[in-house]
Amino acid sequence: NISTNENDSTPKQASRGEIVASAVIVPEHQARLAFVTGGNIKNVSVIVGEQVKAGQILVELDNTIAQLDVERAQRTLRELTSPGAIATAEEAVVNALETRDDEAQDVIGLNYGRASQELIDEVQAEITLAEDRVELAQAAYDRVANKSLENSNRANALLALNSARTYLNSLRADYQWYISPPSETDVTKTTSQAAVAEAAYQEAQWYLAALKGEDIPADASGAMLAQLQQAKADLAAAQNRLDQTRLTAPISGVVARVNAIAGEYALPGNILIIVSDLNELQAKTTDLSERDIINVKIGDPAIIIVDALNEDFSGKVVSISPIADTLGGDVIYEVTLSFDEQPTGVLGGMTAEVMIGE
């Protein structure tokens, strides 16, 4: 029912008006695997046609150094997260809490007098008595002041007077300090110490939470926390370097190609393994022209005729390439079609013909 007039320049179509194109059967999911970095191939563990599961190691490079780096990073992290380290962190939280509370009380104390009224009254009474003692000592000294410097009575009286004055000055200084408000320096020092204690307590809490695997804010800080996070980052980086020495199957399927031999050097980016999921097959057109593509839309029904089986299967259009290619000077577009039901006996790479449309 298909027109084969070679002189007809109109698009090739079936008699019912469907758009006809050649196609090839391909897996819906196919992984083409290569190493990011080069290295000597240590082991190739699969052969063509072998069934593999997602996550299975297919090819491995010589990775002795990478494995040592992972083990070293694991030991460091184990030390930092050991039961002993957690106990030490718990003790640090308790100590930091006590310090924080003490400093907070000092800040509260800035709003009150430096001494109780009772103590201030007591000092005032002592000042009164000390003033009397100074007067008595002054009178006693005045009586012997005209004596010679070598006179013992004069010397004793002078010592008593100086001692009484010193004691009185000390009491007056204490009294003045008790009744005076805290200085700007005192306020700054006390509040800054309280802020430091609060920050230290918060950082101790964050570190303990991180050790226990609990969630912490993204902006959490602290020297110990930074050390722990660096150890985790070092382990992740070492594990990533080790992973890059292994080609693992990202999907379950059949090994379609093996281009690796143990002992050879694998170049970065060189495709060594192809894994295909043959349980999900599709058809991709290979010569659908620009004149036909304007009449094709996603969801259109289609008939997929597999040449090798001489059997047709129903399907539909699932994607249309937005970028054209060329074939013998003609502009073509790739259209992908899915089977309504996965066919039996159909293999990847088989040729087909598709008819798209009502």
Protein backbone atom coordinates (compact mmCIF):
# COMPACT_ATOMS: atom_id res chain seq x y z
CA ASN A 1 0.00 0.00 0.00
CA ILE A 2 3.04 2.34 0.01
CA SER A 3 3.83 4.53 -2.98
CA THR A 4 7.22 3.77 -4.55
CA ASN A 5 7.18 6.24 -7.44
CA GLU A 6 10.81 7.39 -7.62
CA ASN A 7 9.84 10.51 -9.59
CA ASP A 8 7.38 11.62 -6.95
CA SER A 9 9.06 14.28 -4.81
CA THR A 10 6.25 14.42 -2.24
CA PRO A 11 6.86 12.85 1.21
CA LYS A 12 6.62 9.05 1.33
CA GLN A 13 3.25 8.11 2.86
CA ALA A 14 1.05 5.07 3.26
CA SER A 15 -2.24 4.86 1.36
CA ARG A 16 -4.23 5.70 4.51
CA GLY A 17 -2.26 8.90 4.94
CA GLU A 18 0.17 7.73 7.60
CA ILE A 19 3.71 9.08 7.58
CA VAL A 20 6.20 6.31 6.88
CA ALA A 21 9.84 6.19 7.99
CA SER A 22 12.62 3.72 8.58
CA ALA A 23 13.62 3.02 12.17
CA VAL A 24 15.90 1.00 14.40
CA ILE A 25 15.02 -0.81 17.63
CA VAL A 26 16.96 0.56 20.63
CA PRO A 27 16.80 0.11 24.40
CA GLU A 28 14.95 2.86 26.23
CA HIS A 29 17.74 2.88 28.82
CA GLN A 30 21.37 2.41 27.82
CA ALA A 31 24.51 3.33 29.77
CA ARG A 32 27.81 4.11 28.02
CA LEU A 33 30.50 3.96 30.66
CA ALA A 34 33.95 5.55 30.74
CA PHE A 35 36.44 6.60 33.40
CA VAL A 36 36.76 10.26 34.32
CA THR A 37 40.48 9.85 34.95
CA GLY A 38 42.89 7.44 33.30
CA GLY A 39 44.68 4.51 34.91
CA ASN A 40 45.81 0.92 34.55
CA ILE A 41 42.95 -1.56 34.40
CA LYS A 42 43.18 -4.00 37.30
CA ASN A 43 40.13 -6.12 36.68
CA VAL A 44 37.34 -6.63 34.11
CA SER A 45 34.56 -8.62 35.75
CA VAL A 46 31.97 -8.94 32.94
CA ILE A 47 31.66 -10.26 29.40
CA VAL A 48 29.37 -9.36 26.52
CA GLY A 49 25.87 -10.76 26.99
CA GLU A 50 26.15 -11.01 30.77
CA GLN A 51 23.24 -9.84 32.89
CA VAL A 52 24.28 -7.22 35.46
CA LYS A 53 22.50 -5.40 38.26
CA ALA A 54 22.58 -1.70 39.07
CA GLY A 55 25.55 -0.93 41.34
CA GLN A 56 27.59 -3.93 40.20
CA ILE A 57 31.31 -3.22 39.61
CA LEU A 58 32.18 -3.91 35.97
CA VAL A 59 35.74 -2.62 35.55
CA GLU A 60 38.25 -1.51 38.18
CA LEU A 61 41.47 0.44 37.90
CA ASP A 62 44.53 0.04 40.10
CA ASN A 63 43.31 1.90 43.21
CA THR A 64 45.69 0.94 46.04
CA ILE A 65 46.48 4.55 46.95
CA ALA A 66 42.83 5.58 46.79
CA GLN A 67 41.85 2.77 49.14
CA LEU A 68 44.57 3.79 51.63
CA ASP A 69 43.28 7.36 51.55
CA VAL A 70 39.76 6.16 52.35
CA GLU A 71 40.98 4.02 55.25
CA ARG A 72 43.03 6.92 56.66
CA ALA A 73 40.07 9.28 56.47
CA GLN A 74 37.80 6.68 58.09
CA ARG A 75 40.22 6.26 61.02
CA THR A 76 40.35 10.02 61.59
CA LEU A 77 36.56 10.29 61.59
CA ARG A 78 36.21 7.30 63.94
CA GLU A 79 38.55 9.02 66.43
CA LEU A 80 36.56 12.23 66.33
CA THR A 81 33.22 10.45 66.78
CA SER A 82 34.25 7.78 69.31
CA PRO A 83 32.29 7.28 72.59
CA GLY A 84 35.14 8.99 74.42
CA ALA A 85 34.93 12.01 72.14
CA ILE A 86 31.17 12.23 72.68
CA ALA A 87 31.59 12.02 76.47
CA THR A 88 34.19 14.81 76.36
CA ALA A 89 31.84 16.94 74.26
CA GLU A 90 28.99 16.36 76.75
CA GLU A 91 31.24 17.49 79.62
CA ALA A 92 32.25 20.56 77.62
CA VAL A 93 28.57 21.49 77.20
CA VAL A 94 28.00 21.28 80.97
CA ASN A 95 31.08 23.39 81.74
CA ALA A 96 30.17 25.94 79.09
CA LEU A 97 26.65 26.20 80.55
CA GLU A 98 28.00 26.91 84.04
CA THR A 99 30.34 29.59 82.71
CA ARG A 100 27.56 31.16 80.68
CA ASP A 101 25.24 31.33 83.71
CA ASP A 102 27.97 32.87 85.88
CA GLU A 103 28.71 35.54 83.28
CA ALA A 104 24.98 36.20 82.83
CA GLN A 105 24.65 36.84 86.57
CA ASP A 106 27.49 39.35 86.38
CA VAL A 107 25.62 41.20 83.63
CA ILE A 108 22.46 41.25 85.75
CA GLY A 109 24.55 42.61 88.62
CA LEU A 110 25.37 45.69 86.53
CA ASN A 111 21.79 46.88 87.11
CA TYR A 112 22.13 46.83 90.90
CA GLY A 113 24.42 48.47 93.49
CA ARG A 114 27.81 46.99 94.14
CA ALA A 115 26.92 46.35 97.77
CA SER A 116 23.84 46.04 99.95
CA GLN A 117 22.64 49.02 101.94
CA GLU A 118 23.51 47.11 105.07
CA LEU A 119 27.14 46.84 104.02
CA ILE A 120 27.24 50.51 102.99
CA ASP A 121 25.86 51.57 106.42
CA GLU A 122 28.43 49.37 108.13
CA VAL A 123 31.28 50.97 106.20
CA GLN A 124 29.94 54.42 107.02
CA ALA A 125 29.98 53.54 110.73
CA GLU A 126 33.54 52.26 110.44
CA ILE A 127 34.53 55.52 108.71
CA THR A 128 33.11 57.51 111.61
CA LEU A 129 35.09 55.45 114.11
CA ALA A 130 38.22 55.65 111.94
CA GLU A 131 37.89 59.45 111.76
CA ASP A 132 37.76 59.56 115.57
CA ARG A 133 40.89 57.41 115.72
CA VAL A 134 42.67 59.75 113.35
CA GLU A 135 41.73 62.75 115.51
CA LEU A 136 42.99 61.01 118.63
CA ALA A 137 46.19 59.94 116.86
CA GLN A 138 46.67 63.48 115.56
CA ALA A 139 46.25 64.93 119.07
CA ALA A 140 48.72 62.43 120.49
CA TYR A 141 51.25 63.25 117.82
CA ASP A 142 50.81 66.98 118.26
CA ARG A 143 51.86 66.64 121.90
CA VAL A 144 55.24 65.14 120.95
CA ALA A 145 55.76 66.72 117.56
CA ASN A 146 58.41 69.07 118.91
CA LYS A 147 60.52 66.20 120.16
CA SER A 148 63.62 65.09 118.27
CA LEU A 149 63.37 62.58 115.48
CA GLU A 150 65.16 60.06 117.66
CA ASN A 151 62.51 60.28 120.36
CA SER A 152 60.62 56.98 120.61
CA ASN A 153 57.35 58.56 121.80
CA ARG A 154 57.34 60.84 118.75
CA ALA A 155 58.08 57.93 116.41
CA ASN A 156 55.32 55.77 117.84
CA ALA A 157 52.82 58.61 117.67
CA LEU A 158 53.68 59.27 114.02
CA LEU A 159 53.32 55.60 113.11
CA ALA A 160 49.95 55.44 114.86
CA LEU A 161 48.76 58.55 113.04
CA ASN A 162 49.85 57.27 109.61
CA SER A 163 48.23 53.87 110.27
CA ALA A 164 44.93 55.50 111.28
CA ARG A 165 44.95 57.73 108.17
CA THR A 166 45.72 54.76 105.87
CA TYR A 167 42.84 52.74 107.33
CA LEU A 168 40.47 55.70 107.00
CA ASN A 169 41.43 56.26 103.35
CA SER A 170 40.88 52.57 102.60
CA LEU A 171 37.38 52.70 104.13
CA ARG A 172 36.53 55.85 102.20
CA ALA A 173 37.73 54.22 98.92
CA ASP A 174 35.60 51.14 99.61
CA TYR A 175 32.58 53.29 100.37
CA GLN A 176 32.99 55.30 97.18
CA TRP A 177 33.29 52.13 95.09
CA TYR A 178 30.19 50.62 96.71
CA ILE A 179 27.98 53.62 95.96
CA SER A 180 29.34 54.38 92.45
CA PRO A 181 27.70 52.92 89.28
CA PRO A 182 29.83 50.55 87.18
CA SER A 183 32.20 52.28 84.79
CA GLU A 184 31.90 52.05 81.02
CA THR A 185 34.94 49.78 81.04
CA ASP A 186 33.31 47.51 83.61
CA VAL A 187 30.12 47.28 81.53
CA THR A 188 31.98 46.56 78.30
CA LYS A 189 34.18 43.92 79.90
CA THR A 190 31.31 42.16 81.66
CA THR A 191 28.97 42.13 78.67
CA SER A 192 31.69 40.97 76.26
CA GLN A 193 32.65 38.13 78.59
CA ALA A 194 29.00 37.11 78.75
CA ALA A 195 28.74 37.16 74.94
CA VAL A 196 31.84 35.02 74.62
CA ALA A 197 30.46 32.53 77.15
CA GLU A 198 27.11 32.38 75.34
CA ALA A 199 28.82 31.74 71.99
CA ALA A 200 31.05 29.06 73.53
CA TYR A 201 28.02 27.31 74.98
CA GLN A 202 26.19 27.41 71.64
CA GLU A 203 29.21 26.05 69.77
CA ALA A 204 29.61 23.26 72.32
CA GLN A 205 25.96 22.30 71.78
CA TRP A 206 26.33 22.32 67.98
CA TYR A 207 29.44 20.17 68.14
CA LEU A 208 27.78 17.61 70.41
CA ALA A 209 24.71 17.48 68.17
CA ALA A 210 26.92 16.94 65.10
CA LEU A 211 28.78 14.13 66.86
CA LYS A 212 25.46 12.43 67.59
CA GLY A 213 24.33 12.82 63.97
CA GLU A 214 21.62 15.35 64.78
CA ASP A 215 20.66 18.27 62.53
CA ILE A 216 22.44 21.58 63.08
CA PRO A 217 21.96 24.99 61.38
CA ALA A 218 23.83 25.65 58.17
CA ASP A 219 25.61 28.58 59.81
CA ALA A 220 26.74 26.60 62.87
CA SER A 221 30.33 27.39 63.83
CA GLY A 222 33.12 26.42 66.19
CA ALA A 223 36.67 25.14 65.92
CA MET A 224 35.76 21.58 66.94
CA LEU A 225 32.79 21.52 64.59
CA ALA A 226 34.97 22.75 61.73
CA GLN A 227 37.45 19.94 62.43
CA LEU A 228 34.66 17.37 62.39
CA GLN A 229 33.17 18.75 59.16
CA GLN A 230 36.60 18.78 57.52
CA ALA A 231 37.11 15.13 58.48
CA LYS A 232 33.76 14.24 56.90
CA ALA A 233 34.63 16.21 53.77
CA ASP A 234 38.03 14.49 53.56
CA LEU A 235 36.36 11.08 53.76
CA ALA A 236 33.80 12.01 51.09
CA ALA A 237 36.56 13.27 48.79
CA ALA A 238 38.65 10.13 49.33
CA GLN A 239 35.61 7.92 48.68
CA ASN A 240 34.85 9.86 45.52
CA ARG A 241 38.41 9.32 44.26
CA LEU A 242 38.03 5.60 44.97
CA ASP A 243 34.65 5.50 43.20
CA GLN A 244 36.24 7.08 40.13
CA THR A 245 38.49 4.02 39.82
CA ARG A 246 35.45 1.77 39.38
CA LEU A 247 32.92 1.53 36.58
CA THR A 248 29.62 0.45 38.13
CA ALA A 249 26.39 -0.34 36.32
CA PRO A 250 23.93 2.56 36.79
CA ILE A 251 21.10 0.33 35.54
CA SER A 252 20.29 -3.35 35.46
CA GLY A 253 20.58 -4.88 32.01
CA VAL A 254 22.76 -6.78 29.57
CA VAL A 255 26.39 -5.97 28.77
CA ALA A 256 26.31 -5.00 25.10
CA ARG A 257 29.97 -4.07 24.69
CA VAL A 258 33.26 -4.63 26.53
CA ASN A 259 36.26 -2.67 25.32
CA ALA A 260 38.60 -3.22 28.26
CA ILE A 261 41.39 -5.71 29.03
CA ALA A 262 43.10 -6.12 32.38
CA GLY A 263 46.58 -4.59 32.30
CA GLU A 264 45.78 -2.02 29.63
CA TYR A 265 45.72 1.71 30.25
CA ALA A 266 42.24 3.23 30.21
CA LEU A 267 42.08 6.68 28.69
CA PRO A 268 39.71 9.24 30.26
CA GLY A 269 36.39 9.44 28.42
CA ASN A 270 36.99 6.30 26.34
CA ILE A 271 33.79 4.20 26.30
CA LEU A 272 34.69 0.80 27.76
CA ILE A 273 31.34 -0.74 28.68
CA ILE A 274 27.81 -0.41 27.31
CA VAL A 275 24.91 -1.74 29.38
CA SER A 276 21.46 -1.97 27.78
CA ASP A 277 18.10 -2.59 29.43
CA LEU A 278 16.49 -4.85 26.83
CA ASN A 279 13.28 -5.14 28.85
CA GLU A 280 12.24 -1.69 27.64
CA LEU A 281 12.66 -1.30 23.86
CA GLN A 282 11.79 1.63 21.61
CA ALA A 283 11.95 2.49 17.95
CA LYS A 284 13.85 5.55 16.68
CA THR A 285 13.35 6.84 13.17
CA THR A 286 16.39 7.22 10.93
CA ASP A 287 15.08 9.08 7.87
CA LEU A 288 11.96 11.05 8.79
CA SER A 289 12.16 14.21 6.66
CA GLU A 290 11.56 17.82 7.59
CA ARG A 291 8.49 17.78 5.32
CA ASP A 292 6.92 15.01 7.38
CA ILE A 293 7.92 16.15 10.85
CA ILE A 294 5.46 19.05 10.79
CA ASN A 295 2.64 16.49 10.72
CA VAL A 296 3.91 14.48 13.67
CA LYS A 297 3.06 15.23 17.28
CA ILE A 298 3.71 13.52 20.59
CA GLY A 299 1.02 10.95 21.39
CA ASP A 300 0.29 10.09 17.73
CA PRO A 301 -0.51 6.38 17.29
CA ALA A 302 1.86 4.31 15.17
CA ILE A 303 2.46 0.87 13.72
CA ILE A 304 5.99 -0.51 14.16
CA ILE A 305 6.88 -3.23 11.64
CA VAL A 306 9.97 -5.22 12.65
CA ASP A 307 11.65 -6.44 9.45
CA ALA A 308 13.35 -9.53 10.87
CA LEU A 309 10.11 -10.88 12.30
CA ASN A 310 7.84 -9.53 9.57
CA GLU A 311 5.49 -8.61 12.36
CA ASP A 312 3.89 -5.33 13.31
CA PHE A 313 3.25 -3.89 16.76
CA SER A 314 1.19 -0.94 17.93
CA GLY A 315 2.87 2.02 19.56
CA LYS A 316 2.88 5.80 19.87
CA VAL A 317 5.16 8.82 19.51
CA VAL A 318 6.83 9.71 22.83
CA SER A 319 9.42 12.31 21.79
CA ILE A 320 10.50 14.44 18.84
CA SER A 321 14.03 15.75 18.55
CA PRO A 322 14.03 19.56 18.40
CA ILE A 323 17.32 19.52 16.46
CA ALA A 324 17.66 18.29 12.90
CA ASP A 325 20.31 16.01 11.39
CA THR A 326 21.23 15.32 7.78
CA LEU A 327 21.11 12.14 5.73
CA GLY A 328 22.44 12.21 2.15
CA GLY A 329 21.82 15.93 1.99
CA ASP A 330 18.26 15.66 3.34
CA VAL A 331 17.23 17.25 6.62
CA ILE A 332 15.78 14.65 8.99
CA TYR A 333 14.45 14.54 12.55
CA GLU A 334 14.63 11.70 15.04
CA VAL A 335 11.29 10.59 16.45
CA THR A 336 11.08 8.07 19.29
CA LEU A 337 8.18 5.62 19.54
CA SER A 338 7.26 3.32 22.39
CA PHE A 339 5.55 -0.06 22.12
CA ASP A 340 2.09 -0.31 23.66
CA GLU A 341 3.21 -3.72 24.92
CA GLN A 342 6.82 -4.85 24.97
CA PRO A 343 7.30 -7.32 22.08
CA THR A 344 8.85 -10.75 22.41
CA GLY A 345 11.63 -11.86 20.09
CA VAL A 346 12.64 -8.30 19.24
CA LEU A 347 16.29 -7.42 19.87
CA GLY A 348 18.10 -4.12 20.05
CA GLY A 349 19.55 -3.05 16.71
CA MET A 350 16.87 -4.66 14.56
CA THR A 351 15.56 -2.56 11.68
CA ALA A 352 11.95 -1.54 11.41
CA GLU A 353 9.51 0.58 9.49
CA VAL A 354 7.02 2.81 11.25
CA MET A 355 3.73 4.30 10.09
CA ILE A 356 2.64 7.28 12.13
CA GLY A 357 -0.86 8.72 12.09
CA GLU A 358 -4.52 7.81 12.27
